[in-house]
Amino acid sequence: MTHVPPSPEPFDTDSAALLALRACDDIDSLHDVRLAYACIEKLVDPQHVGDSEDVHPIRTELSALMRLVNEELQRRIETTEATMQSLRLAVDKVNAAPF
């Protein structure tokens, strides 16, 4: 399934300050997904298998979890890219405005 990234919103609907705030929030959400991914990698790493007696996920469960994390990471990257594009357009418009 091909996901089409959201198109940047026109400048008229968001100020540059709001776009910058949204970009910060988007980046924070990317960090959350990255941390989750790192946690999953530790679970998958064979050297950690003997470290915990309570963790016994099966391979199909881990594969499904990794797939969902990858999809969510991709979605958040696309959202962040769209926000950054809107911010660039807003900054360009402000810089091009006559004083």
C-alpha atoms as a PDB file:
ATOM      1  CA  MET A   1       0.000   0.000   0.000  1.00  0.00           C
ATOM      2  CA  THR A   2       1.543   3.279  -1.127  1.00  0.00           C
ATOM      3  CA  HIS A   3       1.161   6.129   1.307  1.00  0.00           C
ATOM      4  CA  VAL A   4       0.944   9.612  -0.163  1.00  0.00           C
ATOM      5  CA  PRO A   5       2.563  12.171   2.127  1.00  0.00           C
ATOM      6  CA  PRO A   6       0.324  15.023   3.179  1.00  0.00           C
ATOM      7  CA  SER A   7       0.810  18.123   1.078  1.00  0.00           C
ATOM      8  CA  PRO A   8       2.040  21.234   2.834  1.00  0.00           C
ATOM      9  CA  GLU A   9      -0.698  23.532   4.009  1.00  0.00           C
ATOM     10  CA  PRO A  10      -0.878  26.992   2.439  1.00  0.00           C
ATOM     11  CA  PHE A  11       0.802  29.804   4.337  1.00  0.00           C
ATOM     12  CA  ASP A  12      -2.509  31.534   4.960  1.00  0.00           C
ATOM     13  CA  THR A  13      -3.671  28.821   7.395  1.00  0.00           C
ATOM     14  CA  ASP A  14      -0.605  28.702   9.641  1.00  0.00           C
ATOM     15  CA  SER A  15       1.842  31.278  10.847  1.00  0.00           C
ATOM     16  CA  ALA A  16       5.552  30.533  10.735  1.00  0.00           C
ATOM     17  CA  ALA A  17       5.602  30.347  14.540  1.00  0.00           C
ATOM     18  CA  LEU A  18       2.871  27.697  14.611  1.00  0.00           C
ATOM     19  CA  LEU A  19       4.653  25.725  11.900  1.00  0.00           C
ATOM     20  CA  ALA A  20       7.897  25.838  13.867  1.00  0.00           C
ATOM     21  CA  LEU A  21       6.061  24.608  16.968  1.00  0.00           C
ATOM     22  CA  ARG A  22       4.435  21.815  14.967  1.00  0.00           C
ATOM     23  CA  ALA A  23       7.842  20.852  13.534  1.00  0.00           C
ATOM     24  CA  CYS A  24       9.239  20.554  17.067  1.00  0.00           C
ATOM     25  CA  ASP A  25       6.306  18.350  18.086  1.00  0.00           C
ATOM     26  CA  ASP A  26       6.770  16.194  14.984  1.00  0.00           C
ATOM     27  CA  ILE A  27      10.464  15.751  15.736  1.00  0.00           C
ATOM     28  CA  ASP A  28       9.659  14.779  19.336  1.00  0.00           C
ATOM     29  CA  SER A  29       7.298  12.092  18.054  1.00  0.00           C
ATOM     30  CA  LEU A  30      10.066  10.786  15.783  1.00  0.00           C
ATOM     31  CA  HIS A  31      12.323  10.464  18.816  1.00  0.00           C
ATOM     32  CA  ASP A  32       9.623   8.435  20.602  1.00  0.00           C
ATOM     33  CA  VAL A  33       9.379   5.993  17.704  1.00  0.00           C
ATOM     34  CA  ARG A  34      13.173   5.749  17.491  1.00  0.00           C
ATOM     35  CA  LEU A  35      13.347   4.841  21.179  1.00  0.00           C
ATOM     36  CA  ALA A  36      10.669   2.184  20.708  1.00  0.00           C
ATOM     37  CA  TYR A  37      12.576   0.797  17.742  1.00  0.00           C
ATOM     38  CA  ALA A  38      15.804   0.641  19.762  1.00  0.00           C
ATOM     39  CA  CYS A  39      13.955  -1.236  22.505  1.00  0.00           C
ATOM     40  CA  ILE A  40      12.648  -3.764  19.996  1.00  0.00           C
ATOM     41  CA  GLU A  41      16.126  -4.212  18.531  1.00  0.00           C
ATOM     42  CA  LYS A  42      17.395  -5.100  22.006  1.00  0.00           C
ATOM     43  CA  LEU A  43      14.661  -7.730  22.315  1.00  0.00           C
ATOM     44  CA  VAL A  44      15.575  -9.195  18.937  1.00  0.00           C
ATOM     45  CA  ASP A  45      19.338  -9.205  19.570  1.00  0.00           C
ATOM     46  CA  PRO A  46      20.373 -12.797  20.444  1.00  0.00           C
ATOM     47  CA  GLN A  47      22.825 -11.720  23.139  1.00  0.00           C
ATOM     48  CA  HIS A  48      19.937 -10.365  25.208  1.00  0.00           C
ATOM     49  CA  VAL A  49      17.774 -13.489  25.006  1.00  0.00           C
ATOM     50  CA  GLY A  50      19.211 -14.971  28.200  1.00  0.00           C
ATOM     51  CA  ASP A  51      19.083 -11.664  30.089  1.00  0.00           C
ATOM     52  CA  SER A  52      15.366 -11.824  30.863  1.00  0.00           C
ATOM     53  CA  GLU A  53      13.305 -14.774  31.970  1.00  0.00           C
ATOM     54  CA  ASP A  54       9.985 -12.988  31.372  1.00  0.00           C
ATOM     55  CA  VAL A  55      10.430 -12.015  27.714  1.00  0.00           C
ATOM     56  CA  HIS A  56       9.562 -14.818  25.300  1.00  0.00           C
ATOM     57  CA  PRO A  57       8.018 -13.242  22.206  1.00  0.00           C
ATOM     58  CA  ILE A  58       7.659 -15.435  19.162  1.00  0.00           C
ATOM     59  CA  ARG A  59       9.231 -14.429  15.868  1.00  0.00           C
ATOM     60  CA  THR A  60       5.906 -13.630  14.167  1.00  0.00           C
ATOM     61  CA  GLU A  61       4.933 -11.322  17.039  1.00  0.00           C
ATOM     62  CA  LEU A  62       8.230  -9.478  16.796  1.00  0.00           C
ATOM     63  CA  SER A  63       7.921  -9.238  13.013  1.00  0.00           C
ATOM     64  CA  ALA A  64       4.444  -7.747  13.326  1.00  0.00           C
ATOM     65  CA  LEU A  65       5.642  -5.282  15.952  1.00  0.00           C
ATOM     66  CA  MET A  66       8.630  -4.248  13.842  1.00  0.00           C
ATOM     67  CA  ARG A  67       6.389  -3.778  10.801  1.00  0.00           C
ATOM     68  CA  LEU A  68       3.993  -1.557  12.770  1.00  0.00           C
ATOM     69  CA  VAL A  69       6.842   0.494  14.201  1.00  0.00           C
ATOM     70  CA  ASN A  70       8.336   0.911  10.720  1.00  0.00           C
ATOM     71  CA  GLU A  71       4.973   2.029   9.303  1.00  0.00           C
ATOM     72  CA  GLU A  72       4.445   4.506  12.137  1.00  0.00           C
ATOM     73  CA  LEU A  73       7.983   5.819  11.785  1.00  0.00           C
ATOM     74  CA  GLN A  74       7.426   6.343   8.050  1.00  0.00           C
ATOM     75  CA  ARG A  75       4.122   8.127   8.726  1.00  0.00           C
ATOM     76  CA  ARG A  76       5.753  10.443  11.254  1.00  0.00           C
ATOM     77  CA  ILE A  77       8.687  11.161   8.947  1.00  0.00           C
ATOM     78  CA  GLU A  78       6.257  12.125   6.177  1.00  0.00           C
ATOM     79  CA  THR A  79       4.302  14.351   8.576  1.00  0.00           C
ATOM     80  CA  THR A  80       7.511  16.039   9.707  1.00  0.00           C
ATOM     81  CA  GLU A  81       8.655  16.537   6.118  1.00  0.00           C
ATOM     82  CA  ALA A  82       5.314  18.135   5.209  1.00  0.00           C
ATOM     83  CA  THR A  83       5.525  20.465   8.213  1.00  0.00           C
ATOM     84  CA  MET A  84       9.102  21.425   7.379  1.00  0.00           C
ATOM     85  CA  GLN A  85       8.106  22.121   3.761  1.00  0.00           C
ATOM     86  CA  SER A  86       5.288  24.384   4.984  1.00  0.00           C
ATOM     87  CA  LEU A  87       7.727  26.138   7.295  1.00  0.00           C
ATOM     88  CA  ARG A  88      10.185  26.668   4.426  1.00  0.00           C
ATOM     89  CA  LEU A  89       7.416  28.137   2.270  1.00  0.00           C
ATOM     90  CA  ALA A  90       6.319  30.427   5.101  1.00  0.00           C
ATOM     91  CA  VAL A  91       9.867  31.637   5.736  1.00  0.00           C
ATOM     92  CA  ASP A  92      10.442  32.192   2.015  1.00  0.00           C
ATOM     93  CA  LYS A  93       7.215  34.195   1.822  1.00  0.00           C
ATOM     94  CA  VAL A  94       8.209  36.330   4.826  1.00  0.00           C
ATOM     95  CA  ASN A  95      11.702  36.892   3.396  1.00  0.00           C
ATOM     96  CA  ALA A  96      10.266  37.868  -0.001  1.00  0.00           C
ATOM     97  CA  ALA A  97       7.760  40.348   1.468  1.00  0.00           C
ATOM     98  CA  PRO A  98       8.623  44.018   0.923  1.00  0.00           C
ATOM     99  CA  PHE A  99       9.360  45.996   4.047  1.00  0.00           C
END
